C-alpha cells in the first residue's frame, strides 16, 4: 500500500515516536510510506534519518496555504490511505479530501485523552470525514463513541506497541556503570516530555518529603517545563536527590538502570509508551489511572496506582517499593506478562496493517482492542 502520514505538531514525544515506529514497520513489510509535516518539525529530521520520505508542508497552523498545499499533494500523488494525527493536520486533510474527487480514505489516530467538544464540526471530522478512527486505548474509544456518536465499528483501539526484545530486563549494574549512575542508591526513573500534565512537580515534591539520601530520581526528557522543574529542585535544595539527564536517543538502557519507574500524569494520556516500556523491562511502577493508563496499570497487580496530583501518595508508594523487594519483583513480573499479551510492536503493526487494508477496500477492519 501507499500510506501517507500527516503530523502538524512541531513538538516531540510519544505521538511522534509512534508515527515513526509504525512507518518504519510498514516499510519493513514492503509498503510505501511518506510523512507530510512542517519542514522544521523534529519529526522531519528523525523521519529522514530513519529512511521515511518527508514531504515538507506548511501545516503547523489551520491556514489557507496549508490547506492548498495538502490539496495539491493529494491531487498530484496517489495514496491508498492517509493517516492523520493532530487536530490541525486532521482538519486540513479532511477539508482537502472533501474538495477532491477520488481522494484517499482517511484514518484519524487520536493519541491523547483530552476531551473532544461535541460540536457538529467535530462530529463531521470524526464520524463522517474519516473512514476509521484509531485510539490508543479503549477508554478513549468509548469517549468518542459516547461523546460524538461515532459508529462503534469504525472506532478501533490500537495501543502503541513496544519492542519486547529491546525493552527487557538486563544487567543493571553494567548499565549504571556505562551511564555514570551510582550503584548504591535506589533509583526511581521517569521518562517523559517535561510538560505540566506529566506530573513531574508532584514527583519532585514526593522526593522532598521522603528526604531519603539513599533515593535518587532520574528525570529523562526535555520540554517546556524544564526550567520550572530545575528551579523547583534547586529552590528546594534537592540537587542531591534529583538528576536531570535531558533527552536521550535510546531510553532502553536507562530503563534497565532503574529500580522503579514513576509516571504521575494527571491529564491527556492514552496508554503511555514510557510506562509500557518500563513494564516490558519488568520495572515496578507507580502511576495514576488517568486516560487509558488503567488498561495496563492494574492496581496492586501490575503497578501501584495513586490519585493524580497527590505528592503524599506518590511518596508512600515509592517508599513501599524501596522497602519491599518481593513486592517489586511481583509487580515487575506481572507487568511484563500483562503487556506482552497485548501491547507488542508486532501486534500493533499487524492491526494497523489490517485497518489500512480495510480503509483502502482490501479487507476487513481490525477488531477493537479488548478492555
Protein backbone atom coordinates (compact mmCIF):
# COMPACT_ATOMS: atom_id res chain seq x y z
CA UNK A 1 0.00 0.00 0.00
CA UNK A 2 0.94 3.66 -0.41
CA UNK A 3 0.48 5.22 3.04
CA UNK A 4 0.70 8.93 3.87
CA UNK A 5 1.02 10.10 7.47
CA UNK A 6 0.36 13.75 8.35
CA UNK A 7 1.60 15.46 11.51
CA UNK A 8 1.23 19.18 12.20
CA UNK A 9 2.93 19.15 15.61
CA UNK A 10 6.34 20.73 15.99
CA UNK A 11 6.90 19.05 19.35
CA UNK A 12 8.46 15.73 20.23
CA UNK A 13 7.02 12.95 22.35
CA UNK A 14 5.26 9.62 22.31
CA UNK A 15 2.92 10.57 19.46
CA UNK A 16 5.78 11.33 17.09
CA UNK A 17 7.70 8.26 18.21
CA UNK A 18 4.71 6.05 17.43
CA UNK A 19 4.34 7.55 13.95
CA UNK A 20 7.95 6.77 13.14
CA UNK A 21 7.86 3.29 14.67
CA UNK A 22 4.75 2.47 12.69
CA UNK A 23 6.17 3.98 9.48
CA UNK A 24 9.42 2.02 9.78
CA UNK A 25 7.49 -1.17 10.45
CA UNK A 26 5.28 -0.71 7.41
CA UNK A 27 8.31 -0.03 5.22
CA UNK A 28 9.87 -3.25 6.54
CA UNK A 29 6.70 -5.05 5.43
CA UNK A 30 7.02 -3.74 1.88
CA UNK A 31 4.67 -0.74 1.95
CA UNK A 32 5.49 2.74 0.65
CA UNK A 33 5.27 5.34 3.42
CA UNK A 34 5.58 9.13 3.32
CA UNK A 35 5.20 11.76 6.04
CA UNK A 36 3.74 15.23 5.47
CA UNK A 37 4.85 17.67 8.17
CA UNK A 38 6.36 21.13 8.68
CA UNK A 39 9.94 21.29 7.43
CA UNK A 40 11.26 22.48 10.79
CA UNK A 41 9.45 19.90 12.94
CA UNK A 42 11.68 17.49 14.91
CA UNK A 43 9.84 14.55 13.37
CA UNK A 44 11.01 15.66 9.91
CA UNK A 45 14.66 15.24 10.88
CA UNK A 46 14.04 11.94 12.64
CA UNK A 47 11.98 10.55 9.75
CA UNK A 48 14.66 11.38 7.19
CA UNK A 49 17.28 9.71 9.37
CA UNK A 50 15.15 6.57 9.50
CA UNK A 51 14.56 6.39 5.77
CA UNK A 52 10.97 7.69 5.73
CA UNK A 53 10.13 10.04 2.86
CA UNK A 54 9.40 13.53 4.20
CA UNK A 55 7.08 15.91 2.34
CA UNK A 56 7.52 19.38 3.82
CA UNK A 57 4.23 21.28 4.01
CA UNK A 58 3.19 24.46 5.91
CA UNK A 59 0.60 22.65 8.03
CA UNK A 60 1.50 23.72 11.56
CA UNK A 61 -1.49 26.09 11.59
CA UNK A 62 -5.04 25.96 10.21
CA UNK A 63 -4.46 28.40 7.39
CA UNK A 64 -5.28 28.57 3.69
CA UNK A 65 -1.70 27.98 2.43
CA UNK A 66 -1.56 24.72 4.38
CA UNK A 67 -4.96 23.61 3.08
CA UNK A 68 -3.97 24.36 -0.51
CA UNK A 69 -0.63 22.57 -0.08
CA UNK A 70 -2.36 19.44 1.22
CA UNK A 71 -4.90 19.62 -1.63
CA UNK A 72 -2.13 19.87 -4.23
CA UNK A 73 -0.34 16.88 -2.70
CA UNK A 74 -3.44 14.68 -2.68
CA UNK A 75 -4.27 15.70 -6.26
CA UNK A 76 -0.75 15.05 -7.54
CA UNK A 77 0.10 11.78 -5.77
CA UNK A 78 -1.88 8.60 -5.40
CA UNK A 79 -2.13 7.32 -1.84
CA UNK A 80 -4.20 4.36 -0.73
CA UNK A 81 -4.78 5.83 2.74
CA UNK A 82 -3.92 8.95 4.73
CA UNK A 83 -3.35 8.65 8.48
CA UNK A 84 -3.78 11.99 10.32
CA UNK A 85 -2.53 12.54 13.86
CA UNK A 86 -3.01 16.05 15.28
CA UNK A 87 -6.05 18.32 15.19
CA UNK A 88 -4.60 20.79 12.70
CA UNK A 89 -3.45 18.31 10.08
CA UNK A 90 -6.64 16.27 10.57
CA UNK A 91 -8.74 19.30 9.64
CA UNK A 92 -6.55 20.30 6.70
CA UNK A 93 -6.52 16.79 5.25
CA UNK A 94 -10.25 16.28 5.80
CA UNK A 95 -11.18 19.56 4.10
CA UNK A 96 -8.75 19.00 1.24
CA UNK A 97 -10.07 15.48 0.66
CA UNK A 98 -13.69 16.69 0.76
CA UNK A 99 -12.92 19.08 -2.10
CA UNK A 100 -11.34 16.44 -4.34
CA UNK A 101 -12.86 13.67 -6.41
CA UNK A 102 -11.27 10.31 -5.71
CA UNK A 103 -9.41 11.45 -2.59
CA UNK A 104 -7.85 8.67 -0.49
CA UNK A 105 -9.69 7.44 2.61
CA UNK A 106 -8.65 8.94 5.93
CA UNK A 107 -7.72 7.16 9.14
CA UNK A 108 -7.68 9.56 12.11
CA UNK A 109 -5.48 8.50 15.02
CA UNK A 110 -6.40 10.01 18.38
CA UNK A 111 -3.38 9.74 20.68
CA UNK A 112 -4.49 11.60 23.81
CA UNK A 113 -7.47 11.70 26.14
CA UNK A 114 -8.13 15.46 26.13
CA UNK A 115 -11.90 15.98 25.73
CA UNK A 116 -13.32 16.46 22.23
CA UNK A 117 -16.15 19.00 22.17
CA UNK A 118 -19.41 17.52 20.89
CA UNK A 119 -19.86 20.10 18.14
CA UNK A 120 -21.33 19.48 14.72
CA UNK A 121 -17.91 20.21 13.20
CA UNK A 122 -16.19 17.57 15.33
CA UNK A 123 -18.93 15.05 14.61
CA UNK A 124 -18.28 15.60 10.90
CA UNK A 125 -14.50 15.29 11.34
CA UNK A 126 -14.60 12.07 13.35
CA UNK A 127 -17.84 10.37 12.31
CA UNK A 128 -18.06 11.28 8.62
CA UNK A 129 -14.80 12.52 7.10
CA UNK A 130 -12.71 9.62 8.44
CA UNK A 131 -13.11 6.04 7.27
CA UNK A 132 -11.79 4.83 10.63
CA UNK A 133 -10.70 6.43 13.88
CA UNK A 134 -7.88 4.80 15.85
CA UNK A 135 -7.48 5.45 19.55
CA UNK A 136 -4.53 4.47 21.70
CA UNK A 137 -6.75 2.99 24.39
CA UNK A 138 -10.20 1.52 24.92
CA UNK A 139 -11.26 4.34 27.27
CA UNK A 140 -10.53 6.89 24.52
CA UNK A 141 -12.55 4.78 22.10
CA UNK A 142 -15.59 4.77 24.40
CA UNK A 143 -15.36 8.53 24.89
CA UNK A 144 -15.54 9.17 21.13
CA UNK A 145 -18.44 6.77 20.67
CA UNK A 146 -20.42 8.21 23.56
CA UNK A 147 -19.45 11.86 23.11
CA UNK A 148 -19.58 12.22 19.33
CA UNK A 149 -21.90 9.42 18.31
CA UNK A 150 -19.26 7.65 16.22
CA UNK A 151 -20.11 4.24 14.79
CA UNK A 152 -18.54 1.70 17.21
CA UNK A 153 -17.49 -0.43 14.26
CA UNK A 154 -15.37 2.38 12.87
CA UNK A 155 -13.56 3.39 16.07
CA UNK A 156 -10.74 0.97 16.78
CA UNK A 157 -8.46 0.87 19.82
CA UNK A 158 -4.90 0.01 18.81
CA UNK A 159 -2.48 0.92 21.60
CA UNK A 160 1.10 1.74 20.74
CA UNK A 161 3.19 -1.40 20.60
CA UNK A 162 6.58 -1.84 22.24
CA UNK A 163 9.56 -3.88 21.03
CA UNK A 164 9.59 -6.60 23.67
CA UNK A 165 13.15 -7.65 22.81
CA UNK A 166 14.61 -4.17 23.10
CA UNK A 167 12.76 -3.38 26.32
CA UNK A 168 13.57 -6.26 28.62
CA UNK A 169 15.36 -6.77 31.93
CA UNK A 170 19.13 -6.63 31.73
CA UNK A 171 22.41 -6.05 33.57
CA UNK A 172 21.51 -3.09 35.79
CA UNK A 173 24.98 -2.80 37.32
CA UNK A 174 26.71 -2.76 33.95
CA UNK A 175 24.28 -0.23 32.54
CA UNK A 176 24.66 2.04 35.57
CA UNK A 177 28.41 1.90 35.18
CA UNK A 178 28.13 2.86 31.49
CA UNK A 179 25.71 5.70 32.24
CA UNK A 180 27.64 7.03 35.20
CA UNK A 181 24.86 6.30 37.69
CA UNK A 182 25.56 5.27 41.31
CA UNK A 183 25.43 1.59 42.20
CA UNK A 184 24.47 2.11 45.84
CA UNK A 185 21.25 4.14 45.54
CA UNK A 186 17.63 3.20 44.86
CA UNK A 187 16.92 4.90 41.53
CA UNK A 188 13.41 5.97 40.59
CA UNK A 189 13.14 6.97 36.93
CA UNK A 190 10.70 8.97 34.86
CA UNK A 191 10.89 9.13 31.08
CA UNK A 192 8.54 11.76 29.69
CA UNK A 193 8.41 15.08 27.90
CA UNK A 194 8.62 17.78 30.56
CA UNK A 195 5.04 19.01 30.25
CA UNK A 196 2.96 20.16 33.20
CA UNK A 197 0.41 17.36 32.98
CA UNK A 198 3.05 14.63 33.19
CA UNK A 199 3.18 15.48 36.90
CA UNK A 200 6.94 15.91 37.39
CA UNK A 201 6.46 18.59 40.02
CA UNK A 202 4.45 16.23 42.23
CA UNK A 203 7.15 13.61 41.89
CA UNK A 204 9.80 16.15 42.90
CA UNK A 205 7.65 17.12 45.90
CA UNK A 206 7.44 13.45 46.84
CA UNK A 207 11.23 13.18 46.80
CA UNK A 208 11.44 16.25 49.02
CA UNK A 209 9.04 14.77 51.56
CA UNK A 210 10.90 11.46 51.64
CA UNK A 211 14.26 13.23 52.08
CA UNK A 212 15.99 9.84 51.82
CA UNK A 213 19.69 10.12 50.81
CA UNK A 214 19.55 6.54 49.50
CA UNK A 215 16.99 7.61 46.88
CA UNK A 216 17.74 9.22 43.52
CA UNK A 217 15.17 10.46 41.00
CA UNK A 218 16.47 10.41 37.42
CA UNK A 219 14.48 12.59 35.01
CA UNK A 220 14.89 11.61 31.36
CA UNK A 221 13.47 14.02 28.81
CA UNK A 222 13.16 17.69 27.95
CA UNK A 223 10.28 20.06 27.30
CA UNK A 224 8.54 23.32 28.11
CA UNK A 225 8.59 22.76 31.89
CA UNK A 226 12.32 22.00 32.09
CA UNK A 227 13.35 25.36 33.54
CA UNK A 228 10.50 25.44 36.08
CA UNK A 229 11.34 21.96 37.32
CA UNK A 230 15.05 22.67 37.62
CA UNK A 231 14.17 25.78 39.63
CA UNK A 232 11.88 23.69 41.85
CA UNK A 233 14.75 21.29 42.57
CA UNK A 234 17.33 24.00 43.26
CA UNK A 235 14.93 26.07 45.39
CA UNK A 236 14.13 23.00 47.49
CA UNK A 237 17.78 22.05 47.95
CA UNK A 238 17.15 18.74 46.19
CA UNK A 239 20.15 18.65 43.85
CA UNK A 240 21.49 15.51 45.54
CA UNK A 241 18.11 13.74 45.17
CA UNK A 242 17.13 14.66 41.59
CA UNK A 243 19.21 14.31 38.41
CA UNK A 244 18.10 15.77 35.06
CA UNK A 245 19.78 13.91 32.19
CA UNK A 246 17.92 15.52 29.28
CA UNK A 247 16.56 13.98 26.09
CA UNK A 248 18.04 10.56 25.31
CA UNK A 249 18.09 8.99 21.87
CA UNK A 250 17.79 5.49 23.34
CA UNK A 251 15.91 5.17 26.63
CA UNK A 252 16.15 1.37 26.88
CA UNK A 253 19.46 1.39 28.83
CA UNK A 254 18.05 3.96 31.24
CA UNK A 255 15.06 1.74 31.92
CA UNK A 256 17.36 -1.16 32.77
CA UNK A 257 19.28 1.09 35.17
CA UNK A 258 16.22 2.00 37.28
CA UNK A 259 14.95 0.20 40.37
CA UNK A 260 11.44 1.61 39.90
CA UNK A 261 9.54 3.82 37.48
CA UNK A 262 7.06 6.63 38.12
CA UNK A 263 4.63 8.39 35.79
CA UNK A 264 2.25 10.61 37.80
CA UNK A 265 0.30 12.09 34.87
CA UNK A 266 -2.91 13.96 35.65
CA UNK A 267 -4.36 14.62 32.15
CA UNK A 268 -4.37 13.80 28.44
CA UNK A 269 -2.87 10.30 28.50
CA UNK A 270 -3.74 7.42 26.23
CA UNK A 271 -1.65 4.36 27.10
CA UNK A 272 1.77 5.99 27.61
CA UNK A 273 4.68 4.45 25.76
CA UNK A 274 7.20 5.09 28.52
CA UNK A 275 5.02 3.29 31.06
CA UNK A 276 4.72 0.30 28.73
CA UNK A 277 8.48 0.36 28.12
CA UNK A 278 9.07 0.29 31.86
CA UNK A 279 6.63 -2.58 32.29
CA UNK A 280 8.25 -4.56 29.49
CA UNK A 281 11.54 -4.01 31.33
CA UNK A 282 9.84 -5.61 34.37
CA UNK A 283 10.14 -2.46 36.47
CA UNK A 284 7.76 -1.94 39.39
CA UNK A 285 5.77 1.17 38.50
CA UNK A 286 3.90 3.94 40.31
CA UNK A 287 1.33 5.78 38.22
CA UNK A 288 -2.22 7.15 38.10
CA UNK A 289 -5.45 5.97 36.44
CA UNK A 290 -5.67 8.95 34.07
CA UNK A 291 -6.88 8.41 30.48
CA UNK A 292 -6.31 4.82 29.40
CA UNK A 293 -3.45 4.12 31.83
CA UNK A 294 -5.76 1.81 33.77
CA UNK A 295 -5.73 -0.64 30.87
CA UNK A 296 -2.16 -1.63 31.75
CA UNK A 297 -1.76 -0.36 35.33
CA UNK A 298 -3.96 -2.73 37.31
CA UNK A 299 -3.89 -1.59 40.95
CA UNK A 300 -1.62 -3.72 43.13
CA UNK A 301 -1.35 -6.29 40.32
CA UNK A 302 0.80 -4.70 37.62
CA UNK A 303 1.50 -1.33 39.29
CA UNK A 304 0.89 0.83 42.32
CA UNK A 305 -1.82 3.32 41.33
CA UNK A 306 -2.15 6.60 43.23
CA UNK A 307 -4.52 9.58 42.89
CA UNK A 308 -3.34 12.27 40.45
CA UNK A 309 -1.66 15.39 41.83
CA UNK A 310 -1.04 13.69 45.19
CA UNK A 311 2.59 14.01 46.28
CA UNK A 312 1.98 12.28 49.62
CA UNK A 313 0.54 9.20 47.93
CA UNK A 314 3.46 9.15 45.49
CA UNK A 315 5.92 9.33 48.35
CA UNK A 316 4.19 6.49 50.18
CA UNK A 317 4.20 4.29 47.07
CA UNK A 318 7.88 4.96 46.35
CA UNK A 319 8.72 4.25 49.97
CA UNK A 320 6.79 0.98 49.84
CA UNK A 321 8.65 -0.16 46.73
CA UNK A 322 12.04 0.73 48.18
CA UNK A 323 11.29 -1.22 51.37
CA UNK A 324 9.83 -4.35 49.78
CA UNK A 325 11.93 -6.30 47.27
CA UNK A 326 9.35 -9.13 46.86
CA UNK A 327 6.69 -6.52 46.01
CA UNK A 328 8.99 -5.03 43.35
CA UNK A 329 9.66 -8.43 41.85
CA UNK A 330 5.99 -9.41 41.81
CA UNK A 331 4.78 -6.19 40.22
CA UNK A 332 7.56 -6.15 37.61
CA UNK A 333 6.98 -9.75 36.54
CA UNK A 334 3.20 -9.28 36.29
CA UNK A 335 3.61 -6.02 34.37
CA UNK A 336 5.80 -7.61 31.70
CA UNK A 337 3.47 -10.60 31.34
CA UNK A 338 0.41 -8.35 31.03
CA UNK A 339 1.97 -6.07 28.40
CA UNK A 340 3.45 -8.96 26.41
CA UNK A 341 -0.06 -10.37 25.99
CA UNK A 342 -1.40 -7.41 24.01
CA UNK A 343 0.99 -4.49 23.58
CA UNK A 344 3.87 -5.61 21.36
CA UNK A 345 5.06 -3.64 18.33
CA UNK A 346 4.43 -6.66 16.13
CA UNK A 347 0.80 -6.78 17.25
CA UNK A 348 0.36 -3.05 16.65
CA UNK A 349 1.73 -3.36 13.12
CA UNK A 350 -0.50 -6.36 12.38
CA UNK A 351 -3.61 -4.46 13.44
CA UNK A 352 -2.70 -1.17 11.73
CA UNK A 353 -1.85 -3.03 8.52
CA UNK A 354 -5.23 -4.77 8.65
CA UNK A 355 -7.02 -1.48 9.29
CA UNK A 356 -5.24 0.36 6.46
CA UNK A 357 -6.14 -2.51 4.16
CA UNK A 358 -9.79 -2.26 5.21
CA UNK A 359 -9.79 1.52 4.74
CA UNK A 360 -8.46 1.04 1.22
CA UNK A 361 -11.18 -1.53 0.50
CA UNK A 362 -8.87 -4.54 0.54
CA UNK A 363 -10.05 -6.46 3.62
CA UNK A 364 -11.84 -6.43 6.96
CA UNK A 365 -11.07 -3.92 9.69
CA UNK A 366 -9.12 -4.90 12.76
CA UNK A 367 -11.32 -5.63 15.74
CA UNK A 368 -11.39 -3.25 18.72
CA UNK A 369 -8.72 -3.92 21.32
CA UNK A 370 -10.11 -5.65 24.40
CA UNK A 371 -10.56 -3.55 27.54
